[in-house]
PDB file of N, CA and C in Angstrom:
ATOM      1  N   MET A   1      34.614 -37.223 -16.739  1.00  0.00           N
ATOM      2  CA  MET A   1      33.375 -37.929 -16.459  1.00  0.00           C
ATOM      3  C   MET A   1      32.714 -38.366 -17.764  1.00  0.00           C
ATOM      4  N   ALA A   2      31.914 -39.381 -17.699  1.00  0.00           N
ATOM      5  CA  ALA A   2      31.309 -39.986 -18.882  1.00  0.00           C
ATOM      6  C   ALA A   2      30.245 -39.094 -19.531  1.00  0.00           C
ATOM      7  N   LYS A   3      30.132 -39.221 -20.844  1.00  0.00           N
ATOM      8  CA  LYS A   3      29.110 -38.499 -21.613  1.00  0.00           C
ATOM      9  C   LYS A   3      27.995 -39.429 -22.061  1.00  0.00           C
ATOM     10  N   ILE A   4      28.203 -40.716 -21.821  1.00  0.00           N
ATOM     11  CA  ILE A   4      27.194 -41.723 -22.150  1.00  0.00           C
ATOM     12  C   ILE A   4      27.288 -42.785 -21.063  1.00  0.00           C
ATOM     13  N   LYS A   5      26.172 -43.407 -20.733  1.00  0.00           N
ATOM     14  CA  LYS A   5      26.214 -44.460 -19.718  1.00  0.00           C
ATOM     15  C   LYS A   5      25.342 -45.627 -20.143  1.00  0.00           C
ATOM     16  N   ARG A   6      25.639 -46.766 -19.543  1.00  0.00           N
ATOM     17  CA  ARG A   6      24.865 -47.978 -19.819  1.00  0.00           C
ATOM     18  C   ARG A   6      23.954 -48.249 -18.623  1.00  0.00           C
ATOM     19  N   ASP A   7      22.686 -48.416 -18.890  1.00  0.00           N
ATOM     20  CA  ASP A   7      21.733 -48.772 -17.843  1.00  0.00           C
ATOM     21  C   ASP A   7      21.998 -50.222 -17.444  1.00  0.00           C
ATOM     22  N   PRO A   8      22.250 -50.491 -16.163  1.00  0.00           N
ATOM     23  CA  PRO A   8      22.587 -51.857 -15.754  1.00  0.00           C
ATOM     24  C   PRO A   8      21.446 -52.851 -15.921  1.00  0.00           C
ATOM     25  N   GLU A   9      20.209 -52.387 -15.942  1.00  0.00           N
ATOM     26  CA  GLU A   9      19.076 -53.313 -16.074  1.00  0.00           C
ATOM     27  C   GLU A   9      18.717 -53.588 -17.520  1.00  0.00           C
ATOM     28  N   SER A  10      18.515 -52.547 -18.316  1.00  0.00           N
ATOM     29  CA  SER A  10      18.111 -52.752 -19.703  1.00  0.00           C
ATOM     30  C   SER A  10      19.319 -52.926 -20.617  1.00  0.00           C
ATOM     31  N   THR A  11      20.484 -52.526 -20.141  1.00  0.00           N
ATOM     32  CA  THR A  11      21.758 -52.496 -20.872  1.00  0.00           C
ATOM     33  C   THR A  11      21.744 -51.531 -22.054  1.00  0.00           C
ATOM     34  N   GLN A  12      20.722 -50.678 -22.156  1.00  0.00           N
ATOM     35  CA  GLN A  12      20.717 -49.648 -23.186  1.00  0.00           C
ATOM     36  C   GLN A  12      21.736 -48.571 -22.831  1.00  0.00           C
ATOM     37  N   LEU A  13      22.142 -47.824 -23.840  1.00  0.00           N
ATOM     38  CA  LEU A  13      23.026 -46.686 -23.651  1.00  0.00           C
ATOM     39  C   LEU A  13      22.191 -45.419 -23.616  1.00  0.00           C
ATOM     40  N   TYR A  14      22.559 -44.490 -22.722  1.00  0.00           N
ATOM     41  CA  TYR A  14      21.831 -43.236 -22.563  1.00  0.00           C
ATOM     42  C   TYR A  14      22.789 -42.057 -22.668  1.00  0.00           C
ATOM     43  N   PHE A  15      22.301 -40.955 -23.240  1.00  0.00           N
ATOM     44  CA  PHE A  15      23.042 -39.703 -23.208  1.00  0.00           C
ATOM     45  C   PHE A  15      22.061 -38.557 -23.018  1.00  0.00           C
ATOM     46  N   GLN A  16      22.555 -37.474 -22.423  1.00  0.00           N
ATOM     47  CA  GLN A  16      21.744 -36.289 -22.190  1.00  0.00           C
ATOM     48  C   GLN A  16      21.766 -35.430 -23.447  1.00  0.00           C
ATOM     49  N   CYS A  17      20.601 -35.083 -23.953  1.00  0.00           N
ATOM     50  CA  CYS A  17      20.487 -34.275 -25.165  1.00  0.00           C
ATOM     51  C   CYS A  17      20.239 -32.816 -24.781  1.00  0.00           C
ATOM     52  N   PRO A  18      21.207 -31.930 -25.043  1.00  0.00           N
ATOM     53  CA  PRO A  18      21.002 -30.519 -24.727  1.00  0.00           C
ATOM     54  C   PRO A  18      19.885 -29.877 -25.566  1.00  0.00           C
ATOM     55  N   GLY A  19      19.654 -30.374 -26.765  1.00  0.00           N
ATOM     56  CA  GLY A  19      18.621 -29.808 -27.620  1.00  0.00           C
ATOM     57  C   GLY A  19      17.225 -30.075 -27.110  1.00  0.00           C
ATOM     58  N   CYS A  20      16.982 -31.280 -26.627  1.00  0.00           N
ATOM     59  CA  CYS A  20      15.656 -31.670 -26.128  1.00  0.00           C
ATOM     60  C   CYS A  20      15.522 -31.469 -24.623  1.00  0.00           C
ATOM     61  N   GLY A  21      16.661 -31.505 -23.937  1.00  0.00           N
ATOM     62  CA  GLY A  21      16.628 -31.348 -22.489  1.00  0.00           C
ATOM     63  C   GLY A  21      16.304 -32.617 -21.735  1.00  0.00           C
ATOM     64  N   HIS A  22      16.403 -33.773 -22.392  1.00  0.00           N
ATOM     65  CA  HIS A  22      16.164 -35.034 -21.686  1.00  0.00           C
ATOM     66  C   HIS A  22      17.054 -36.127 -22.266  1.00  0.00           C
ATOM     67  N   LEU A  23      16.982 -37.311 -21.680  1.00  0.00           N
ATOM     68  CA  LEU A  23      17.817 -38.431 -22.104  1.00  0.00           C
ATOM     69  C   LEU A  23      17.304 -39.056 -23.390  1.00  0.00           C
ATOM     70  N   HIS A  24      18.246 -39.538 -24.209  1.00  0.00           N
ATOM     71  CA  HIS A  24      17.920 -40.373 -25.364  1.00  0.00           C
ATOM     72  C   HIS A  24      18.572 -41.738 -25.127  1.00  0.00           C
ATOM     73  N   ALA A  25      17.924 -42.790 -25.566  1.00  0.00           N
ATOM     74  CA  ALA A  25      18.428 -44.153 -25.374  1.00  0.00           C
ATOM     75  C   ALA A  25      18.634 -44.824 -26.722  1.00  0.00           C
ATOM     76  N   ILE A  26      19.687 -45.650 -26.790  1.00  0.00           N
ATOM     77  CA  ILE A  26      19.941 -46.463 -27.986  1.00  0.00           C
ATOM     78  C   ILE A  26      20.327 -47.873 -27.545  1.00  0.00           C
ATOM     79  N   ASN A  27      20.242 -48.779 -28.486  1.00  0.00           N
ATOM     80  CA  ASN A  27      20.665 -50.162 -28.273  1.00  0.00           C
ATOM     81  C   ASN A  27      21.966 -50.380 -29.030  1.00  0.00           C
ATOM     82  N   ASP A  28      22.880 -51.145 -28.432  1.00  0.00           N
ATOM     83  CA  ASP A  28      24.076 -51.559 -29.158  1.00  0.00           C
ATOM     84  C   ASP A  28      24.172 -53.075 -29.083  1.00  0.00           C
ATOM     85  N   SER A  29      25.289 -53.631 -29.514  1.00  0.00           N
ATOM     86  CA  SER A  29      25.417 -55.086 -29.560  1.00  0.00           C
ATOM     87  C   SER A  29      25.374 -55.731 -28.175  1.00  0.00           C
ATOM     88  N   GLN A  30      25.567 -54.968 -27.113  1.00  0.00           N
ATOM     89  CA  GLN A  30      25.516 -55.513 -25.758  1.00  0.00           C
ATOM     90  C   GLN A  30      24.145 -55.374 -25.105  1.00  0.00           C
ATOM     91  N   THR A  31      23.217 -54.710 -25.775  1.00  0.00           N
ATOM     92  CA  THR A  31      21.890 -54.522 -25.211  1.00  0.00           C
ATOM     93  C   THR A  31      21.115 -55.835 -25.251  1.00  0.00           C
ATOM     94  N   ASP A  32      20.488 -56.155 -24.143  1.00  0.00           N
ATOM     95  CA  ASP A  32      19.675 -57.367 -24.062  1.00  0.00           C
ATOM     96  C   ASP A  32      18.307 -57.079 -24.672  1.00  0.00           C
ATOM     97  N   LEU A  33      18.101 -57.494 -25.898  1.00  0.00           N
ATOM     98  CA  LEU A  33      16.841 -57.223 -26.592  1.00  0.00           C
ATOM     99  C   LEU A  33      15.793 -58.310 -26.357  1.00  0.00           C
ATOM    100  N   ARG A  34      16.175 -59.377 -25.680  1.00  0.00           N
ATOM    101  CA  ARG A  34      15.253 -60.457 -25.322  1.00  0.00           C
ATOM    102  C   ARG A  34      14.403 -60.923 -26.503  1.00  0.00           C
ATOM    103  N   GLY A  35      15.060 -61.096 -27.626  1.00  0.00           N
ATOM    104  CA  GLY A  35      14.372 -61.601 -28.807  1.00  0.00           C
ATOM    105  C   GLY A  35      13.606 -60.566 -29.592  1.00  0.00           C
ATOM    106  N   GLU A  36      13.571 -59.322 -29.107  1.00  0.00           N
ATOM    107  CA  GLU A  36      12.847 -58.259 -29.815  1.00  0.00           C
ATOM    108  C   GLU A  36      13.677 -57.746 -30.976  1.00  0.00           C
ATOM    109  N   LYS A  37      12.998 -57.384 -32.044  1.00  0.00           N
ATOM    110  CA  LYS A  37      13.675 -56.780 -33.190  1.00  0.00           C
ATOM    111  C   LYS A  37      13.641 -55.272 -33.010  1.00  0.00           C
ATOM    112  N   ARG A  38      14.789 -54.686 -32.755  1.00  0.00           N
ATOM    113  CA  ARG A  38      14.921 -53.245 -32.578  1.00  0.00           C
ATOM    114  C   ARG A  38      16.175 -52.785 -33.306  1.00  0.00           C
ATOM    115  N   PRO A  39      16.247 -51.509 -33.613  1.00  0.00           N
ATOM    116  CA  PRO A  39      17.475 -51.002 -34.223  1.00  0.00           C
ATOM    117  C   PRO A  39      18.663 -51.160 -33.267  1.00  0.00           C
ATOM    118  N   VAL A  40      19.826 -51.405 -33.832  1.00  0.00           N
ATOM    119  CA  VAL A  40      21.055 -51.526 -33.059  1.00  0.00           C
ATOM    120  C   VAL A  40      22.085 -50.597 -33.675  1.00  0.00           C
ATOM    121  N   TRP A  41      22.714 -49.759 -32.835  1.00  0.00           N
ATOM    122  CA  TRP A  41      23.727 -48.808 -33.280  1.00  0.00           C
ATOM    123  C   TRP A  41      25.116 -49.357 -32.976  1.00  0.00           C
ATOM    124  N   GLU A  42      26.099 -48.882 -33.715  1.00  0.00           N
ATOM    125  CA  GLU A  42      27.493 -49.180 -33.408  1.00  0.00           C
ATOM    126  C   GLU A  42      27.972 -48.163 -32.382  1.00  0.00           C
ATOM    127  N   PHE A  43      28.667 -48.630 -31.358  1.00  0.00           N
ATOM    128  CA  PHE A  43      29.220 -47.778 -30.306  1.00  0.00           C
ATOM    129  C   PHE A  43      30.693 -48.107 -30.169  1.00  0.00           C
ATOM    130  N   ASN A  44      31.546 -47.073 -30.131  1.00  0.00           N
ATOM    131  CA  ASN A  44      32.988 -47.298 -30.082  1.00  0.00           C
ATOM    132  C   ASN A  44      33.497 -47.755 -28.715  1.00  0.00           C
ATOM    133  N   GLY A  45      32.626 -47.806 -27.699  1.00  0.00           N
ATOM    134  CA  GLY A  45      33.017 -48.283 -26.379  1.00  0.00           C
ATOM    135  C   GLY A  45      33.666 -47.229 -25.497  1.00  0.00           C
ATOM    136  N   ASP A  46      33.827 -46.017 -25.984  1.00  0.00           N
ATOM    137  CA  ASP A  46      34.456 -44.936 -25.222  1.00  0.00           C
ATOM    138  C   ASP A  46      33.360 -44.088 -24.580  1.00  0.00           C
ATOM    139  N   PHE A  47      33.203 -44.191 -23.265  1.00  0.00           N
ATOM    140  CA  PHE A  47      32.135 -43.483 -22.566  1.00  0.00           C
ATOM    141  C   PHE A  47      32.439 -41.995 -22.383  1.00  0.00           C
ATOM    142  N   ASP A  48      33.712 -41.615 -22.514  1.00  0.00           N
ATOM    143  CA  ASP A  48      34.099 -40.207 -22.392  1.00  0.00           C
ATOM    144  C   ASP A  48      34.086 -39.472 -23.733  1.00  0.00           C
ATOM    145  N   LYS A  49      34.384 -40.175 -24.821  1.00  0.00           N
ATOM    146  CA  LYS A  49      34.364 -39.592 -26.166  1.00  0.00           C
ATOM    147  C   LYS A  49      33.614 -40.548 -27.092  1.00  0.00           C
ATOM    148  N   PRO A  50      32.318 -40.717 -26.854  1.00  0.00           N
ATOM    149  CA  PRO A  50      31.561 -41.706 -27.621  1.00  0.00           C
ATOM    150  C   PRO A  50      31.398 -41.326 -29.092  1.00  0.00           C
ATOM    151  N   THR A  51      31.401 -42.360 -29.923  1.00  0.00           N
ATOM    152  CA  THR A  51      31.005 -42.257 -31.324  1.00  0.00           C
ATOM    153  C   THR A  51      29.930 -43.310 -31.537  1.00  0.00           C
ATOM    154  N   ILE A  52      28.816 -42.881 -32.121  1.00  0.00           N
ATOM    155  CA  ILE A  52      27.676 -43.767 -32.364  1.00  0.00           C
ATOM    156  C   ILE A  52      27.324 -43.678 -33.837  1.00  0.00           C
ATOM    157  N   ARG A  53      27.101 -44.806 -34.460  1.00  0.00           N
ATOM    158  CA  ARG A  53      26.653 -44.857 -35.848  1.00  0.00           C
ATOM    159  C   ARG A  53      25.522 -45.853 -35.946  1.00  0.00           C
ATOM    160  N   ALA A  54      24.479 -45.662 -36.593  1.00  0.00           N
ATOM    161  CA  ALA A  54      24.131 -44.587 -37.519  1.00  0.00           C
ATOM    162  C   ALA A  54      23.644 -43.372 -36.733  1.00  0.00           C
ATOM    163  N   SER A  55      22.952 -42.485 -37.431  1.00  0.00           N
ATOM    164  CA  SER A  55      22.408 -41.314 -36.763  1.00  0.00           C
ATOM    165  C   SER A  55      21.363 -41.742 -35.731  1.00  0.00           C
ATOM    166  N   VAL A  56      21.123 -40.855 -34.763  1.00  0.00           N
ATOM    167  CA  VAL A  56      20.118 -41.091 -33.726  1.00  0.00           C
ATOM    168  C   VAL A  56      18.926 -40.188 -34.029  1.00  0.00           C
ATOM    169  N   LEU A  57      17.781 -40.812 -34.255  1.00  0.00           N
ATOM    170  CA  LEU A  57      16.552 -40.069 -34.539  1.00  0.00           C
ATOM    171  C   LEU A  57      15.576 -40.345 -33.403  1.00  0.00           C
ATOM    172  N   ASN A  58      15.196 -39.293 -32.699  1.00  0.00           N
ATOM    173  CA  ASN A  58      14.319 -39.421 -31.544  1.00  0.00           C
ATOM    174  C   ASN A  58      13.077 -38.574 -31.764  1.00  0.00           C
ATOM    175  N   TRP A  59      11.913 -39.154 -31.499  1.00  0.00           N
ATOM    176  CA  TRP A  59      10.636 -38.451 -31.623  1.00  0.00           C
ATOM    177  C   TRP A  59      10.025 -38.317 -30.248  1.00  0.00           C
ATOM    178  N   SER A  60       9.430 -37.172 -29.975  1.00  0.00           N
ATOM    179  CA  SER A  60       8.646 -36.984 -28.750  1.00  0.00           C
ATOM    180  C   SER A  60       7.187 -36.820 -29.155  1.00  0.00           C
ATOM    181  N   TYR A  61       6.298 -37.380 -28.355  1.00  0.00           N
ATOM    182  CA  TYR A  61       4.877 -37.354 -28.660  1.00  0.00           C
ATOM    183  C   TYR A  61       4.101 -36.865 -27.448  1.00  0.00           C
ATOM    184  N   ARG A  62       2.906 -36.361 -27.700  1.00  0.00           N
ATOM    185  CA  ARG A  62       1.994 -36.052 -26.607  1.00  0.00           C
ATOM    186  C   ARG A  62       0.729 -36.898 -26.779  1.00  0.00           C
ATOM    187  N   LYS A  63      -0.010 -36.989 -25.698  1.00  0.00           N
ATOM    188  CA  LYS A  63      -1.199 -37.834 -25.683  1.00  0.00           C
ATOM    189  C   LYS A  63      -2.321 -37.213 -26.508  1.00  0.00           C
ATOM    190  N   ASN A  64      -2.901 -38.043 -27.335  1.00  0.00           N
ATOM    191  CA  ASN A  64      -4.026 -37.644 -28.167  1.00  0.00           C
ATOM    192  C   ASN A  64      -5.299 -37.777 -27.321  1.00  0.00           C
ATOM    193  N   PRO A  65      -6.017 -36.673 -27.097  1.00  0.00           N
ATOM    194  CA  PRO A  65      -7.224 -36.761 -26.254  1.00  0.00           C
ATOM    195  C   PRO A  65      -8.317 -37.638 -26.868  1.00  0.00           C
ATOM    196  N   ASP A  66      -8.318 -37.792 -28.192  1.00  0.00           N
ATOM    197  CA  ASP A  66      -9.343 -38.620 -28.839  1.00  0.00           C
ATOM    198  C   ASP A  66      -9.058 -40.110 -28.702  1.00  0.00           C
ATOM    199  N   SER A  67      -7.797 -40.505 -28.927  1.00  0.00           N
ATOM    200  CA  SER A  67      -7.463 -41.930 -28.902  1.00  0.00           C
ATOM    201  C   SER A  67      -6.914 -42.387 -27.558  1.00  0.00           C
ATOM    202  N   GLY A  68      -6.393 -41.449 -26.749  1.00  0.00           N
ATOM    203  CA  GLY A  68      -5.755 -41.825 -25.495  1.00  0.00           C
ATOM    204  C   GLY A  68      -4.346 -42.349 -25.673  1.00  0.00           C
ATOM    205  N   LYS A  69      -3.871 -42.364 -26.923  1.00  0.00           N
ATOM    206  CA  LYS A  69      -2.522 -42.855 -27.227  1.00  0.00           C
ATOM    207  C   LYS A  69      -1.570 -41.671 -27.395  1.00  0.00           C
ATOM    208  N   TYR A  70      -0.285 -41.952 -27.216  1.00  0.00           N
ATOM    209  CA  TYR A  70       0.748 -40.934 -27.449  1.00  0.00           C
ATOM    210  C   TYR A  70       1.139 -40.996 -28.924  1.00  0.00           C
ATOM    211  N   ASP A  71       0.355 -40.315 -29.756  1.00  0.00           N
ATOM    212  CA  ASP A  71       0.576 -40.406 -31.199  1.00  0.00           C
ATOM    213  C   ASP A  71       0.582 -39.041 -31.898  1.00  0.00           C
ATOM    214  N   ILE A  72       0.699 -37.958 -31.124  1.00  0.00           N
ATOM    215  CA  ILE A  72       0.793 -36.629 -31.727  1.00  0.00           C
ATOM    216  C   ILE A  72       2.239 -36.163 -31.605  1.00  0.00           C
ATOM    217  N   GLU A  73       2.920 -36.078 -32.750  1.00  0.00           N
ATOM    218  CA  GLU A  73       4.323 -35.687 -32.765  1.00  0.00           C
ATOM    219  C   GLU A  73       4.470 -34.237 -32.315  1.00  0.00           C
ATOM    220  N   ILE A  74       5.391 -34.017 -31.359  1.00  0.00           N
ATOM    221  CA  ILE A  74       5.636 -32.643 -30.925  1.00  0.00           C
ATOM    222  C   ILE A  74       7.091 -32.225 -31.114  1.00  0.00           C
ATOM    223  N   ASP A  75       8.003 -33.175 -31.285  1.00  0.00           N
ATOM    224  CA  ASP A  75       9.403 -32.807 -31.421  1.00  0.00           C
ATOM    225  C   ASP A  75      10.172 -33.924 -32.114  1.00  0.00           C
ATOM    226  N   ARG A  76      11.118 -33.523 -32.970  1.00  0.00           N
ATOM    227  CA  ARG A  76      12.020 -34.474 -33.628  1.00  0.00           C
ATOM    228  C   ARG A  76      13.440 -34.012 -33.362  1.00  0.00           C
ATOM    229  N   CYS A  77      14.297 -34.934 -32.971  1.00  0.00           N
ATOM    230  CA  CYS A  77      15.709 -34.661 -32.741  1.00  0.00           C
ATOM    231  C   CYS A  77      16.508 -35.681 -33.548  1.00  0.00           C
ATOM    232  N   HIS A  78      17.410 -35.197 -34.398  1.00  0.00           N
ATOM    233  CA  HIS A  78      18.170 -36.061 -35.295  1.00  0.00           C
ATOM    234  C   HIS A  78      19.629 -35.641 -35.218  1.00  0.00           C
ATOM    235  N   SER A  79      20.516 -36.577 -34.884  1.00  0.00           N
ATOM    236  CA  SER A  79      21.907 -36.206 -34.653  1.00  0.00           C
ATOM    237  C   SER A  79      22.879 -37.328 -34.967  1.00  0.00           C
ATOM    238  N   PHE A  80      24.143 -36.929 -35.104  1.00  0.00           N
ATOM    239  CA  PHE A  80      25.286 -37.839 -35.127  1.00  0.00           C
ATOM    240  C   PHE A  80      26.116 -37.537 -33.891  1.00  0.00           C
ATOM    241  N   ILE A  81      26.712 -38.565 -33.308  1.00  0.00           N
ATOM    242  CA  ILE A  81      27.625 -38.376 -32.185  1.00  0.00           C
ATOM    243  C   ILE A  81      28.982 -38.908 -32.610  1.00  0.00           C
ATOM    244  N   THR A  82      29.981 -38.023 -32.550  1.00  0.00           N
ATOM    245  CA  THR A  82      31.333 -38.361 -32.974  1.00  0.00           C
ATOM    246  C   THR A  82      32.336 -37.786 -31.984  1.00  0.00           C
ATOM    247  N   ASP A  83      33.164 -38.637 -31.400  1.00  0.00           N
ATOM    248  CA  ASP A  83      34.221 -38.226 -30.461  1.00  0.00           C
ATOM    249  C   ASP A  83      33.701 -37.291 -29.371  1.00  0.00           C
ATOM    250  N   GLY A  84      32.532 -37.586 -28.819  1.00  0.00           N
ATOM    251  CA  GLY A  84      31.980 -36.808 -27.718  1.00  0.00           C
ATOM    252  C   GLY A  84      31.263 -35.530 -28.133  1.00  0.00           C
ATOM    253  N   MET A  85      31.154 -35.297 -29.435  1.00  0.00           N
ATOM    254  CA  MET A  85      30.448 -34.116 -29.948  1.00  0.00           C
ATOM    255  C   MET A  85      29.124 -34.577 -30.555  1.00  0.00           C
ATOM    256  N   ILE A  86      28.084 -33.769 -30.389  1.00  0.00           N
ATOM    257  CA  ILE A  86      26.789 -34.084 -30.982  1.00  0.00           C
ATOM    258  C   ILE A  86      26.503 -33.071 -32.086  1.00  0.00           C
ATOM    259  N   GLN A  87      26.289 -33.608 -33.286  1.00  0.00           N
ATOM    260  CA  GLN A  87      25.985 -32.781 -34.460  1.00  0.00           C
ATOM    261  C   GLN A  87      24.494 -32.912 -34.736  1.00  0.00           C
ATOM    262  N   TYR A  88      23.789 -31.813 -34.513  1.00  0.00           N
ATOM    263  CA  TYR A  88      22.354 -31.800 -34.761  1.00  0.00           C
ATOM    264  C   TYR A  88      22.111 -31.529 -36.240  1.00  0.00           C
ATOM    265  N   LEU A  89      21.301 -32.350 -36.849  1.00  0.00           N
ATOM    266  CA  LEU A  89      20.997 -32.188 -38.265  1.00  0.00           C
ATOM    267  C   LEU A  89      19.914 -31.127 -38.449  1.00  0.00           C
ATOM    268  N   ASP A  90      19.794 -30.653 -39.673  1.00  0.00           N
ATOM    269  CA  ASP A  90      18.880 -29.546 -39.958  1.00  0.00           C
ATOM    270  C   ASP A  90      17.407 -29.896 -39.784  1.00  0.00           C
ATOM    271  N   ASP A  91      17.067 -31.181 -39.741  1.00  0.00           N
ATOM    272  CA  ASP A  91      15.656 -31.550 -39.576  1.00  0.00           C
ATOM    273  C   ASP A  91      15.218 -31.619 -38.109  1.00  0.00           C
ATOM    274  N   CYS A  92      16.103 -31.238 -37.181  1.00  0.00           N
ATOM    275  CA  CYS A  92      15.700 -31.148 -35.770  1.00  0.00           C
ATOM    276  C   CYS A  92      14.658 -30.049 -35.618  1.00  0.00           C
ATOM    277  N   GLN A  93      13.803 -30.214 -34.632  1.00  0.00           N
ATOM    278  CA  GLN A  93      12.766 -29.226 -34.371  1.00  0.00           C
ATOM    279  C   GLN A  93      13.034 -28.485 -33.067  1.00  0.00           C
ATOM    280  N   HIS A  94      14.307 -28.203 -32.798  1.00  0.00           N
ATOM    281  CA  HIS A  94      14.654 -27.419 -31.616  1.00  0.00           C
ATOM    282  C   HIS A  94      15.736 -26.412 -31.951  1.00  0.00           C
ATOM    283  N   LYS A  95      16.097 -25.584 -30.992  1.00  0.00           N
ATOM    284  CA  LYS A  95      16.983 -24.440 -31.209  1.00  0.00           C
ATOM    285  C   LYS A  95      18.410 -24.806 -31.611  1.00  0.00           C
ATOM    286  N   LEU A  96      18.841 -26.058 -31.433  1.00  0.00           N
ATOM    287  CA  LEU A  96      20.214 -26.438 -31.768  1.00  0.00           C
ATOM    288  C   LEU A  96      20.342 -27.077 -33.149  1.00  0.00           C
ATOM    289  N   ALA A  97      19.275 -27.088 -33.925  1.00  0.00           N
ATOM    290  CA  ALA A  97      19.315 -27.647 -35.286  1.00  0.00           C
ATOM    291  C   ALA A  97      20.457 -27.005 -36.069  1.00  0.00           C
ATOM    292  N   GLY A  98      21.245 -27.850 -36.740  1.00  0.00           N
ATOM    293  CA  GLY A  98      22.339 -27.368 -37.574  1.00  0.00           C
ATOM    294  C   GLY A  98      23.618 -27.058 -36.819  1.00  0.00           C
ATOM    295  N   GLN A  99      23.650 -27.246 -35.509  1.00  0.00           N
ATOM    296  CA  GLN A  99      24.831 -26.926 -34.707  1.00  0.00           C
ATOM    297  C   GLN A  99      25.535 -28.198 -34.238  1.00  0.00           C
ATOM    298  N   THR A 100      26.823 -28.070 -33.934  1.00  0.00           N
ATOM    299  CA  THR A 100      27.604 -29.150 -33.337  1.00  0.00           C
ATOM    300  C   THR A 100      28.154 -28.628 -32.009  1.00  0.00           C
ATOM    301  N   ILE A 101      27.884 -29.370 -30.925  1.00  0.00           N
ATOM    302  CA  ILE A 101      28.349 -28.973 -29.597  1.00  0.00           C
ATOM    303  C   ILE A 101      28.864 -30.203 -28.855  1.00  0.00           C
ATOM    304  N   GLU A 102      29.544 -29.959 -27.754  1.00  0.00           N
ATOM    305  CA  GLU A 102      30.039 -31.068 -26.938  1.00  0.00           C
ATOM    306  C   GLU A 102      28.890 -31.674 -26.153  1.00  0.00           C
ATOM    307  N   LEU A 103      28.861 -33.008 -26.095  1.00  0.00           N
ATOM    308  CA  LEU A 103      27.871 -33.693 -25.257  1.00  0.00           C
ATOM    309  C   LEU A 103      28.161 -33.361 -23.801  1.00  0.00           C
ATOM    310  N   PRO A 104      27.134 -33.101 -23.003  1.00  0.00           N
ATOM    311  CA  PRO A 104      27.377 -32.852 -21.581  1.00  0.00           C
ATOM    312  C   PRO A 104      27.698 -34.151 -20.854  1.00  0.00           C
ATOM    313  N   GLU A 105      28.328 -34.002 -19.714  1.00  0.00           N
ATOM    314  CA  GLU A 105      28.593 -35.163 -18.870  1.00  0.00           C
ATOM    315  C   GLU A 105      27.275 -35.652 -18.288  1.00  0.00           C
ATOM    316  N   ILE A 106      27.234 -36.945 -17.985  1.00  0.00           N
ATOM    317  CA  ILE A 106      26.015 -37.557 -17.473  1.00  0.00           C
ATOM    318  C   ILE A 106      26.348 -38.275 -16.170  1.00  0.00           C
ATOM    319  N   ASP A 107      25.426 -38.228 -15.224  1.00  0.00           N
ATOM    320  CA  ASP A 107      25.648 -38.892 -13.917  1.00  0.00           C
ATOM    321  C   ASP A 107      25.453 -40.368 -14.022  1.00  0.00           C
TER     322      ASP A 107
END
């Protein structure tokens, strides 16, 4: 079963992050950016053993009661994905920082 999937509407790629416990999304050359300037990652096209370059840096935020905006950083997840394995870098702010594990399958 696949470890990464493409959203049919946004065409973004998604994978389940065991460190954060939720999905992370990236754009590749097939993502419809509709003229928007966003980062684009290289994807090897293998949904069962994906390799993504460059690293994936994901930030989670909570709502600031003063501004009403989601601008208070609560979590950082930074990783490389190679041949279906996710390597968490040391600057992650979760329990899997510094570890390499297999990406879970995704529905």
